[in-house]
Full PDB file with SEQRES, HELIX, SHEET, SSBOND, CRYST1, ORIGX, SCALE, CONECT and MASTER records, all heavy atoms in Angstrom:
SEQRES   1 A   33  ARG ASP ASN ALA LYS ASN THR VAL THR LEU GLN MET ASN          
SEQRES   2 A   33  SER LEU GLN TYR ASP ASP THR ALA VAL TYR TYR CYS ALA          
SEQRES   3 A   33  ALA ASP THR ASN SER ILE TYR                                  
HELIX    1 AA1 TYR A   17  ASP A   19  5                                   3    
CRYST1    1.000    1.000    1.000  90.00  90.00  90.00 P 1           1          
ORIGX1      1.000000  0.000000  0.000000        0.00000                         
ORIGX2      0.000000  1.000000  0.000000        0.00000                         
ORIGX3      0.000000  0.000000  1.000000        0.00000                         
SCALE1      1.000000  0.000000  0.000000        0.00000                         
SCALE2      0.000000  1.000000  0.000000        0.00000                         
SCALE3      0.000000  0.000000  1.000000        0.00000                         
ATOM      1  N   ARG A   1       0.844  -1.196   0.000  1.00  0.00           N  
ATOM      2  CA  ARG A   1       0.000   0.000   0.000  1.00  0.00           C  
ATOM      3  C   ARG A   1       0.870   1.234   0.000  1.00  0.00           C  
ATOM      4  O   ARG A   1       1.987   1.230   0.518  1.00  0.00           O  
ATOM      5  CB  ARG A   1      -0.944  -0.006   1.201  1.00  0.00           C  
ATOM      6  CG  ARG A   1      -0.248   0.086   2.567  1.00  0.00           C  
ATOM      7  CD  ARG A   1      -1.255  -0.105   3.697  1.00  0.00           C  
ATOM      8  NE  ARG A   1      -2.270   0.944   3.715  1.00  0.00           N  
ATOM      9  CZ  ARG A   1      -3.429   0.834   4.318  1.00  0.00           C  
ATOM     10  NH1 ARG A   1      -3.753  -0.280   4.961  1.00  0.00           N  
ATOM     11  NH2 ARG A   1      -4.293   1.831   4.293  1.00  0.00           N  
ATOM     12  N   ASP A   2       0.329   2.297  -0.569  1.00  0.00           N  
ATOM     13  CA  ASP A   2       0.992   3.599  -0.575  1.00  0.00           C  
ATOM     14  C   ASP A   2      -0.021   4.604  -0.043  1.00  0.00           C  
ATOM     15  O   ASP A   2      -0.920   5.039  -0.767  1.00  0.00           O  
ATOM     16  CB  ASP A   2       1.438   3.957  -1.994  1.00  0.00           C  
ATOM     17  CG  ASP A   2       2.256   5.240  -2.052  1.00  0.00           C  
ATOM     18  OD1 ASP A   2       2.103   6.077  -1.135  1.00  0.00           O  
ATOM     19  OD2 ASP A   2       3.026   5.395  -3.006  1.00  0.00           O  
ATOM     20  N   ASN A   3       0.123   4.948   1.221  1.00  0.00           N  
ATOM     21  CA  ASN A   3      -0.854   5.840   1.842  1.00  0.00           C  
ATOM     22  C   ASN A   3      -0.792   7.257   1.272  1.00  0.00           C  
ATOM     23  O   ASN A   3      -1.773   7.987   1.322  1.00  0.00           O  
ATOM     24  CB  ASN A   3      -0.646   5.862   3.354  1.00  0.00           C  
ATOM     25  CG  ASN A   3      -1.034   4.555   4.009  1.00  0.00           C  
ATOM     26  OD1 ASN A   3      -1.841   3.790   3.488  1.00  0.00           O  
ATOM     27  ND2 ASN A   3      -0.440   4.279   5.167  1.00  0.00           N  
ATOM     28  N   ALA A   4       0.353   7.653   0.754  1.00  0.00           N  
ATOM     29  CA  ALA A   4       0.473   8.987   0.172  1.00  0.00           C  
ATOM     30  C   ALA A   4      -0.321   9.095  -1.131  1.00  0.00           C  
ATOM     31  O   ALA A   4      -0.790  10.178  -1.494  1.00  0.00           O  
ATOM     32  CB  ALA A   4       1.940   9.318  -0.078  1.00  0.00           C  
ATOM     33  N   LYS A   5      -0.464   7.961  -1.829  1.00  0.00           N  
ATOM     34  CA  LYS A   5      -1.172   7.958  -3.107  1.00  0.00           C  
ATOM     35  C   LYS A   5      -2.549   7.319  -3.012  1.00  0.00           C  
ATOM     36  O   LYS A   5      -3.263   7.222  -4.008  1.00  0.00           O  
ATOM     37  CB  LYS A   5      -0.340   7.227  -4.162  1.00  0.00           C  
ATOM     38  CG  LYS A   5       0.986   7.895  -4.475  1.00  0.00           C  
ATOM     39  CD  LYS A   5       1.739   7.127  -5.552  1.00  0.00           C  
ATOM     40  CE  LYS A   5       3.051   7.814  -5.886  1.00  0.00           C  
ATOM     41  NZ  LYS A   5       3.822   7.074  -6.926  1.00  0.00           N  
ATOM     42  N   ASN A   6      -2.931   6.880  -1.832  1.00  0.00           N  
ATOM     43  CA  ASN A   6      -4.219   6.204  -1.643  1.00  0.00           C  
ATOM     44  C   ASN A   6      -4.383   5.003  -2.580  1.00  0.00           C  
ATOM     45  O   ASN A   6      -5.422   4.830  -3.233  1.00  0.00           O  
ATOM     46  CB  ASN A   6      -5.394   7.168  -1.860  1.00  0.00           C  
ATOM     47  CG  ASN A   6      -5.687   8.028  -0.637  1.00  0.00           C  
ATOM     48  OD1 ASN A   6      -4.815   8.215   0.211  1.00  0.00           O  
ATOM     49  ND2 ASN A   6      -6.886   8.554  -0.552  1.00  0.00           N  
ATOM     50  N   THR A   7      -3.353   4.186  -2.643  1.00  0.00           N  
ATOM     51  CA  THR A   7      -3.412   3.035  -3.530  1.00  0.00           C  
ATOM     52  C   THR A   7      -2.975   1.756  -2.806  1.00  0.00           C  
ATOM     53  O   THR A   7      -2.180   1.796  -1.864  1.00  0.00           O  
ATOM     54  CB  THR A   7      -2.524   3.214  -4.771  1.00  0.00           C  
ATOM     55  OG1 THR A   7      -1.179   3.445  -4.346  1.00  0.00           O  
ATOM     56  CG2 THR A   7      -3.000   4.370  -5.633  1.00  0.00           C  
ATOM     57  N   VAL A   8      -3.516   0.653  -3.274  1.00  0.00           N  
ATOM     58  CA  VAL A   8      -3.085  -0.665  -2.834  1.00  0.00           C  
ATOM     59  C   VAL A   8      -2.798  -1.475  -4.094  1.00  0.00           C  
ATOM     60  O   VAL A   8      -3.532  -1.381  -5.073  1.00  0.00           O  
ATOM     61  CB  VAL A   8      -4.129  -1.350  -1.937  1.00  0.00           C  
ATOM     62  CG1 VAL A   8      -5.470  -1.493  -2.613  1.00  0.00           C  
ATOM     63  CG2 VAL A   8      -3.620  -2.699  -1.445  1.00  0.00           C  
ATOM     64  N   THR A   9      -1.731  -2.234  -4.052  1.00  0.00           N  
ATOM     65  CA  THR A   9      -1.245  -2.936  -5.224  1.00  0.00           C  
ATOM     66  C   THR A   9      -1.111  -4.427  -4.937  1.00  0.00           C  
ATOM     67  O   THR A   9      -0.772  -4.821  -3.819  1.00  0.00           O  
ATOM     68  CB  THR A   9       0.111  -2.368  -5.649  1.00  0.00           C  
ATOM     69  OG1 THR A   9      -0.045  -0.979  -5.962  1.00  0.00           O  
ATOM     70  CG2 THR A   9       0.658  -3.088  -6.859  1.00  0.00           C  
ATOM     71  N   LEU A  10      -1.383  -5.220  -5.946  1.00  0.00           N  
ATOM     72  CA  LEU A  10      -1.188  -6.666  -5.848  1.00  0.00           C  
ATOM     73  C   LEU A  10      -0.260  -7.080  -6.987  1.00  0.00           C  
ATOM     74  O   LEU A  10      -0.659  -7.029  -8.157  1.00  0.00           O  
ATOM     75  CB  LEU A  10      -2.514  -7.410  -5.941  1.00  0.00           C  
ATOM     76  CG  LEU A  10      -2.414  -8.928  -5.745  1.00  0.00           C  
ATOM     77  CD1 LEU A  10      -2.058  -9.246  -4.289  1.00  0.00           C  
ATOM     78  CD2 LEU A  10      -3.724  -9.616  -6.125  1.00  0.00           C  
ATOM     79  N   GLN A  11       0.951  -7.439  -6.648  1.00  0.00           N  
ATOM     80  CA  GLN A  11       1.898  -7.943  -7.636  1.00  0.00           C  
ATOM     81  C   GLN A  11       1.729  -9.449  -7.717  1.00  0.00           C  
ATOM     82  O   GLN A  11       1.880 -10.146  -6.710  1.00  0.00           O  
ATOM     83  CB  GLN A  11       3.331  -7.589  -7.236  1.00  0.00           C  
ATOM     84  CG  GLN A  11       4.385  -8.138  -8.174  1.00  0.00           C  
ATOM     85  CD  GLN A  11       4.321  -7.511  -9.554  1.00  0.00           C  
ATOM     86  OE1 GLN A  11       4.148  -6.297  -9.685  1.00  0.00           O  
ATOM     87  NE2 GLN A  11       4.453  -8.332 -10.586  1.00  0.00           N  
ATOM     88  N   MET A  12       1.432  -9.922  -8.915  1.00  0.00           N  
ATOM     89  CA  MET A  12       1.147 -11.344  -9.104  1.00  0.00           C  
ATOM     90  C   MET A  12       2.203 -11.941 -10.036  1.00  0.00           C  
ATOM     91  O   MET A  12       2.301 -11.539 -11.204  1.00  0.00           O  
ATOM     92  CB  MET A  12      -0.251 -11.539  -9.692  1.00  0.00           C  
ATOM     93  CG  MET A  12      -1.346 -10.880  -8.883  1.00  0.00           C  
ATOM     94  SD  MET A  12      -3.003 -11.253  -9.485  1.00  0.00           S  
ATOM     95  CE  MET A  12      -2.959 -10.426 -11.078  1.00  0.00           C  
ATOM     96  N   ASN A  13       2.980 -12.860  -9.514  1.00  0.00           N  
ATOM     97  CA  ASN A  13       4.026 -13.527 -10.290  1.00  0.00           C  
ATOM     98  C   ASN A  13       3.715 -15.013 -10.426  1.00  0.00           C  
ATOM     99  O   ASN A  13       2.899 -15.554  -9.686  1.00  0.00           O  
ATOM    100  CB  ASN A  13       5.384 -13.344  -9.617  1.00  0.00           C  
ATOM    101  CG  ASN A  13       5.807 -11.894  -9.522  1.00  0.00           C  
ATOM    102  OD1 ASN A  13       5.474 -11.070 -10.381  1.00  0.00           O  
ATOM    103  ND2 ASN A  13       6.540 -11.569  -8.477  1.00  0.00           N  
ATOM    104  N   SER A  14       4.375 -15.644 -11.360  1.00  0.00           N  
ATOM    105  CA  SER A  14       4.199 -17.084 -11.588  1.00  0.00           C  
ATOM    106  C   SER A  14       2.721 -17.451 -11.675  1.00  0.00           C  
ATOM    107  O   SER A  14       2.252 -18.399 -11.035  1.00  0.00           O  
ATOM    108  CB  SER A  14       4.875 -17.881 -10.460  1.00  0.00           C  
ATOM    109  OG  SER A  14       6.248 -17.581 -10.389  1.00  0.00           O  
ATOM    110  N   LEU A  15       2.002 -16.705 -12.481  1.00  0.00           N  
ATOM    111  CA  LEU A  15       0.560 -16.915 -12.582  1.00  0.00           C  
ATOM    112  C   LEU A  15       0.235 -18.286 -13.155  1.00  0.00           C  
ATOM    113  O   LEU A  15       0.938 -18.807 -14.039  1.00  0.00           O  
ATOM    114  CB  LEU A  15      -0.065 -15.816 -13.432  1.00  0.00           C  
ATOM    115  CG  LEU A  15      -0.235 -14.490 -12.693  1.00  0.00           C  
ATOM    116  CD1 LEU A  15      -0.401 -13.338 -13.656  1.00  0.00           C  
ATOM    117  CD2 LEU A  15      -1.423 -14.566 -11.741  1.00  0.00           C  
ATOM    118  N   GLN A  16      -0.833 -18.855 -12.618  1.00  0.00           N  
ATOM    119  CA  GLN A  16      -1.284 -20.177 -13.017  1.00  0.00           C  
ATOM    120  C   GLN A  16      -2.698 -20.085 -13.590  1.00  0.00           C  
ATOM    121  O   GLN A  16      -3.425 -19.124 -13.327  1.00  0.00           O  
ATOM    122  CB  GLN A  16      -1.269 -21.112 -11.806  1.00  0.00           C  
ATOM    123  CG  GLN A  16       0.074 -21.217 -11.122  1.00  0.00           C  
ATOM    124  CD  GLN A  16      -0.014 -21.914  -9.765  1.00  0.00           C  
ATOM    125  OE1 GLN A  16      -1.098 -22.259  -9.289  1.00  0.00           O  
ATOM    126  NE2 GLN A  16       1.141 -22.120  -9.142  1.00  0.00           N  
ATOM    127  N   TYR A  17      -3.085 -21.109 -14.331  1.00  0.00           N  
ATOM    128  CA  TYR A  17      -4.413 -21.120 -14.940  1.00  0.00           C  
ATOM    129  C   TYR A  17      -5.493 -20.917 -13.878  1.00  0.00           C  
ATOM    130  O   TYR A  17      -6.474 -20.209 -14.098  1.00  0.00           O  
ATOM    131  CB  TYR A  17      -4.630 -22.438 -15.671  1.00  0.00           C  
ATOM    132  CG  TYR A  17      -6.001 -22.576 -16.271  1.00  0.00           C  
ATOM    133  CD1 TYR A  17      -6.345 -21.905 -17.433  1.00  0.00           C  
ATOM    134  CD2 TYR A  17      -6.966 -23.369 -15.653  1.00  0.00           C  
ATOM    135  CE1 TYR A  17      -7.607 -22.028 -17.984  1.00  0.00           C  
ATOM    136  CE2 TYR A  17      -8.232 -23.498 -16.194  1.00  0.00           C  
ATOM    137  CZ  TYR A  17      -8.541 -22.826 -17.354  1.00  0.00           C  
ATOM    138  OH  TYR A  17      -9.795 -22.950 -17.886  1.00  0.00           O  
ATOM    139  N   ASP A  18      -5.298 -21.530 -12.701  1.00  0.00           N  
ATOM    140  CA  ASP A  18      -6.301 -21.449 -11.632  1.00  0.00           C  
ATOM    141  C   ASP A  18      -6.382 -20.063 -10.996  1.00  0.00           C  
ATOM    142  O   ASP A  18      -7.249 -19.832 -10.145  1.00  0.00           O  
ATOM    143  CB  ASP A  18      -6.012 -22.486 -10.545  1.00  0.00           C  
ATOM    144  CG  ASP A  18      -6.313 -23.901 -11.008  1.00  0.00           C  
ATOM    145  OD1 ASP A  18      -6.984 -24.055 -12.059  1.00  0.00           O  
ATOM    146  OD2 ASP A  18      -5.869 -24.858 -10.346  1.00  0.00           O  
ATOM    147  N   ASP A  19      -5.509 -19.149 -11.375  1.00  0.00           N  
ATOM    148  CA  ASP A  19      -5.605 -17.773 -10.880  1.00  0.00           C  
ATOM    149  C   ASP A  19      -6.619 -16.960 -11.682  1.00  0.00           C  
ATOM    150  O   ASP A  19      -6.905 -15.809 -11.339  1.00  0.00           O  
ATOM    151  CB  ASP A  19      -4.239 -17.079 -10.954  1.00  0.00           C  
ATOM    152  CG  ASP A  19      -3.220 -17.695 -10.003  1.00  0.00           C  
ATOM    153  OD1 ASP A  19      -3.592 -18.033  -8.863  1.00  0.00           O  
ATOM    154  OD2 ASP A  19      -2.046 -17.837 -10.402  1.00  0.00           O  
ATOM    155  N   THR A  20      -7.144 -17.533 -12.732  1.00  0.00           N  
ATOM    156  CA  THR A  20      -8.137 -16.850 -13.549  1.00  0.00           C  
ATOM    157  C   THR A  20      -9.384 -16.556 -12.726  1.00  0.00           C  
ATOM    158  O   THR A  20      -9.975 -17.452 -12.121  1.00  0.00           O  
ATOM    159  CB  THR A  20      -8.512 -17.705 -14.770  1.00  0.00           C  
ATOM    160  OG1 THR A  20      -7.366 -17.877 -15.601  1.00  0.00           O  
ATOM    161  CG2 THR A  20      -9.626 -17.045 -15.575  1.00  0.00           C  
ATOM    162  N   ALA A  21      -9.765 -15.280 -12.682  1.00  0.00           N  
ATOM    163  CA  ALA A  21     -10.907 -14.862 -11.870  1.00  0.00           C  
ATOM    164  C   ALA A  21     -11.115 -13.362 -12.043  1.00  0.00           C  
ATOM    165  O   ALA A  21     -10.277 -12.676 -12.638  1.00  0.00           O  
ATOM    166  CB  ALA A  21     -10.662 -15.172 -10.395  1.00  0.00           C  
ATOM    167  N   VAL A  22     -12.217 -12.885 -11.489  1.00  0.00           N  
ATOM    168  CA  VAL A  22     -12.394 -11.444 -11.325  1.00  0.00           C  
ATOM    169  C   VAL A  22     -11.806 -11.082  -9.964  1.00  0.00           C  
ATOM    170  O   VAL A  22     -12.130 -11.712  -8.960  1.00  0.00           O  
ATOM    171  CB  VAL A  22     -13.870 -11.045 -11.397  1.00  0.00           C  
ATOM    172  CG1 VAL A  22     -14.021  -9.546 -11.150  1.00  0.00           C  
ATOM    173  CG2 VAL A  22     -14.458 -11.423 -12.750  1.00  0.00           C  
ATOM    174  N   TYR A  23     -10.939 -10.096  -9.968  1.00  0.00           N  
ATOM    175  CA  TYR A  23     -10.261  -9.663  -8.744  1.00  0.00           C  
ATOM    176  C   TYR A  23     -10.887  -8.370  -8.238  1.00  0.00           C  
ATOM    177  O   TYR A  23     -11.080  -7.424  -9.005  1.00  0.00           O  
ATOM    178  CB  TYR A  23      -8.774  -9.468  -9.011  1.00  0.00           C  
ATOM    179  CG  TYR A  23      -8.026 -10.779  -9.104  1.00  0.00           C  
ATOM    180  CD1 TYR A  23      -8.202 -11.636 -10.184  1.00  0.00           C  
ATOM    181  CD2 TYR A  23      -7.151 -11.177  -8.087  1.00  0.00           C  
ATOM    182  CE1 TYR A  23      -7.534 -12.850 -10.259  1.00  0.00           C  
ATOM    183  CE2 TYR A  23      -6.471 -12.385  -8.154  1.00  0.00           C  
ATOM    184  CZ  TYR A  23      -6.668 -13.217  -9.241  1.00  0.00           C  
ATOM    185  OH  TYR A  23      -6.008 -14.411  -9.313  1.00  0.00           O  
ATOM    186  N   TYR A  24     -11.170  -8.357  -6.945  1.00  0.00           N  
ATOM    187  CA  TYR A  24     -11.815  -7.217  -6.314  1.00  0.00           C  
ATOM    188  C   TYR A  24     -10.927  -6.627  -5.227  1.00  0.00           C  
ATOM    189  O   TYR A  24     -10.349  -7.359  -4.421  1.00  0.00           O  
ATOM    190  CB  TYR A  24     -13.137  -7.634  -5.668  1.00  0.00           C  
ATOM    191  CG  TYR A  24     -14.163  -8.185  -6.618  1.00  0.00           C  
ATOM    192  CD1 TYR A  24     -14.216  -9.539  -6.919  1.00  0.00           C  
ATOM    193  CD2 TYR A  24     -15.091  -7.336  -7.224  1.00  0.00           C  
ATOM    194  CE1 TYR A  24     -15.168 -10.038  -7.792  1.00  0.00           C  
ATOM    195  CE2 TYR A  24     -16.041  -7.828  -8.096  1.00  0.00           C  
ATOM    196  CZ  TYR A  24     -16.070  -9.184  -8.377  1.00  0.00           C  
ATOM    197  OH  TYR A  24     -17.017  -9.666  -9.240  1.00  0.00           O  
ATOM    198  N   CYS A  25     -10.893  -5.341  -5.209  1.00  0.00           N  
ATOM    199  CA  CYS A  25     -10.250  -4.597  -4.130  1.00  0.00           C  
ATOM    200  C   CYS A  25     -11.322  -4.254  -3.088  1.00  0.00           C  
ATOM    201  O   CYS A  25     -12.474  -3.958  -3.460  1.00  0.00           O  
ATOM    202  CB  CYS A  25      -9.645  -3.321  -4.715  1.00  0.00           C  
ATOM    203  SG  CYS A  25      -9.039  -2.124  -3.539  1.00  0.00           S  
ATOM    204  N   ALA A  26     -10.961  -4.280  -1.821  1.00  0.00           N  
ATOM    205  CA  ALA A  26     -11.931  -3.993  -0.775  1.00  0.00           C  
ATOM    206  C   ALA A  26     -11.281  -3.217   0.359  1.00  0.00           C  
ATOM    207  O   ALA A  26     -10.078  -3.351   0.605  1.00  0.00           O  
ATOM    208  CB  ALA A  26     -12.539  -5.292  -0.241  1.00  0.00           C  
ATOM    209  N   ALA A  27     -12.102  -2.415   1.034  1.00  0.00           N  
ATOM    210  CA  ALA A  27     -11.626  -1.608   2.153  1.00  0.00           C  
ATOM    211  C   ALA A  27     -12.447  -1.884   3.404  1.00  0.00           C  
ATOM    212  O   ALA A  27     -13.681  -1.953   3.350  1.00  0.00           O  
ATOM    213  CB  ALA A  27     -11.700  -0.116   1.804  1.00  0.00           C  
ATOM    214  N   ASP A  28     -11.749  -2.050   4.500  1.00  0.00           N  
ATOM    215  CA  ASP A  28     -12.371  -2.216   5.817  1.00  0.00           C  
ATOM    216  C   ASP A  28     -12.136  -0.917   6.570  1.00  0.00           C  
ATOM    217  O   ASP A  28     -11.030  -0.670   7.081  1.00  0.00           O  
ATOM    218  CB  ASP A  28     -11.728  -3.402   6.535  1.00  0.00           C  
ATOM    219  CG  ASP A  28     -12.161  -3.518   7.991  1.00  0.00           C  
ATOM    220  OD1 ASP A  28     -13.090  -2.796   8.404  1.00  0.00           O  
ATOM    221  OD2 ASP A  28     -11.562  -4.325   8.721  1.00  0.00           O  
ATOM    222  N   THR A  29     -13.148  -0.072   6.641  1.00  0.00           N  
ATOM    223  CA  THR A  29     -12.966   1.243   7.264  1.00  0.00           C  
ATOM    224  C   THR A  29     -13.008   1.186   8.784  1.00  0.00           C  
ATOM    225  O   THR A  29     -12.811   2.210   9.444  1.00  0.00           O  
ATOM    226  CB  THR A  29     -14.022   2.231   6.744  1.00  0.00           C  
ATOM    227  OG1 THR A  29     -15.319   1.747   7.085  1.00  0.00           O  
ATOM    228  CG2 THR A  29     -13.906   2.422   5.241  1.00  0.00           C  
ATOM    229  N   ASN A  30     -13.257   0.023   9.353  1.00  0.00           N  
ATOM    230  CA  ASN A  30     -13.234  -0.144  10.809  1.00  0.00           C  
ATOM    231  C   ASN A  30     -11.988  -0.898  11.265  1.00  0.00           C  
ATOM    232  O   ASN A  30     -11.932  -1.393  12.392  1.00  0.00           O  
ATOM    233  CB  ASN A  30     -14.483  -0.892  11.268  1.00  0.00           C  
ATOM    234  CG  ASN A  30     -15.751  -0.126  10.962  1.00  0.00           C  
ATOM    235  OD1 ASN A  30     -15.928   0.999  11.433  1.00  0.00           O  
ATOM    236  ND2 ASN A  30     -16.630  -0.708  10.167  1.00  0.00           N  
ATOM    237  N   SER A  31     -11.010  -0.955  10.380  1.00  0.00           N  
ATOM    238  CA  SER A  31      -9.829  -1.775  10.638  1.00  0.00           C  
ATOM    239  C   SER A  31      -9.049  -1.350  11.869  1.00  0.00           C  
ATOM    240  O   SER A  31      -8.390  -2.178  12.501  1.00  0.00           O  
ATOM    241  CB  SER A  31      -8.919  -1.740   9.404  1.00  0.00           C  
ATOM    242  OG  SER A  31      -7.764  -2.503   9.598  1.00  0.00           O  
ATOM    243  N   ILE A  32      -9.128  -0.060  12.226  1.00  0.00           N  
ATOM    244  CA  ILE A  32      -8.332   0.403  13.361  1.00  0.00           C  
ATOM    245  C   ILE A  32      -8.805  -0.215  14.675  1.00  0.00           C  
ATOM    246  O   ILE A  32      -8.080  -0.148  15.685  1.00  0.00           O  
ATOM    247  CB  ILE A  32      -8.357   1.937  13.480  1.00  0.00           C  
ATOM    248  CG1 ILE A  32      -9.791   2.458  13.597  1.00  0.00           C  
ATOM    249  CG2 ILE A  32      -7.637   2.568  12.300  1.00  0.00           C  
ATOM    250  CD1 ILE A  32      -9.864   3.943  13.895  1.00  0.00           C  
ATOM    251  N   TYR A  33      -9.970  -0.822  14.660  1.00  0.00           N  
ATOM    252  CA  TYR A  33     -10.477  -1.480  15.856  1.00  0.00           C  
ATOM    253  C   TYR A  33     -10.117  -2.959  15.909  1.00  0.00           C  
ATOM    254  O   TYR A  33     -10.506  -3.668  16.834  1.00  0.00           O  
ATOM    255  CB  TYR A  33     -11.997  -1.315  15.934  1.00  0.00           C  
ATOM    256  CG  TYR A  33     -12.435   0.123  15.906  1.00  0.00           C  
ATOM    257  CD1 TYR A  33     -13.096   0.639  14.795  1.00  0.00           C  
ATOM    258  CD2 TYR A  33     -12.173   0.986  16.960  1.00  0.00           C  
ATOM    259  CE1 TYR A  33     -13.491   1.962  14.739  1.00  0.00           C  
ATOM    260  CE2 TYR A  33     -12.560   2.311  16.923  1.00  0.00           C  
ATOM    261  CZ  TYR A  33     -13.218   2.794  15.803  1.00  0.00           C  
ATOM    262  OH  TYR A  33     -13.599   4.104  15.757  1.00  0.00           O  
TER     263      TYR A  33                                                      
MASTER        0    0    0    1    0    0    0    6  262    1    0    3          
END                                                                             
């Protein structure tokens, strides 16, 4: 994550056929608890 840019990144290496999917980003705004 880069808090200065408000971004989260997923680097995916050695991808396999079974990695095929729709990928979703999600935020937990109560995480500080």
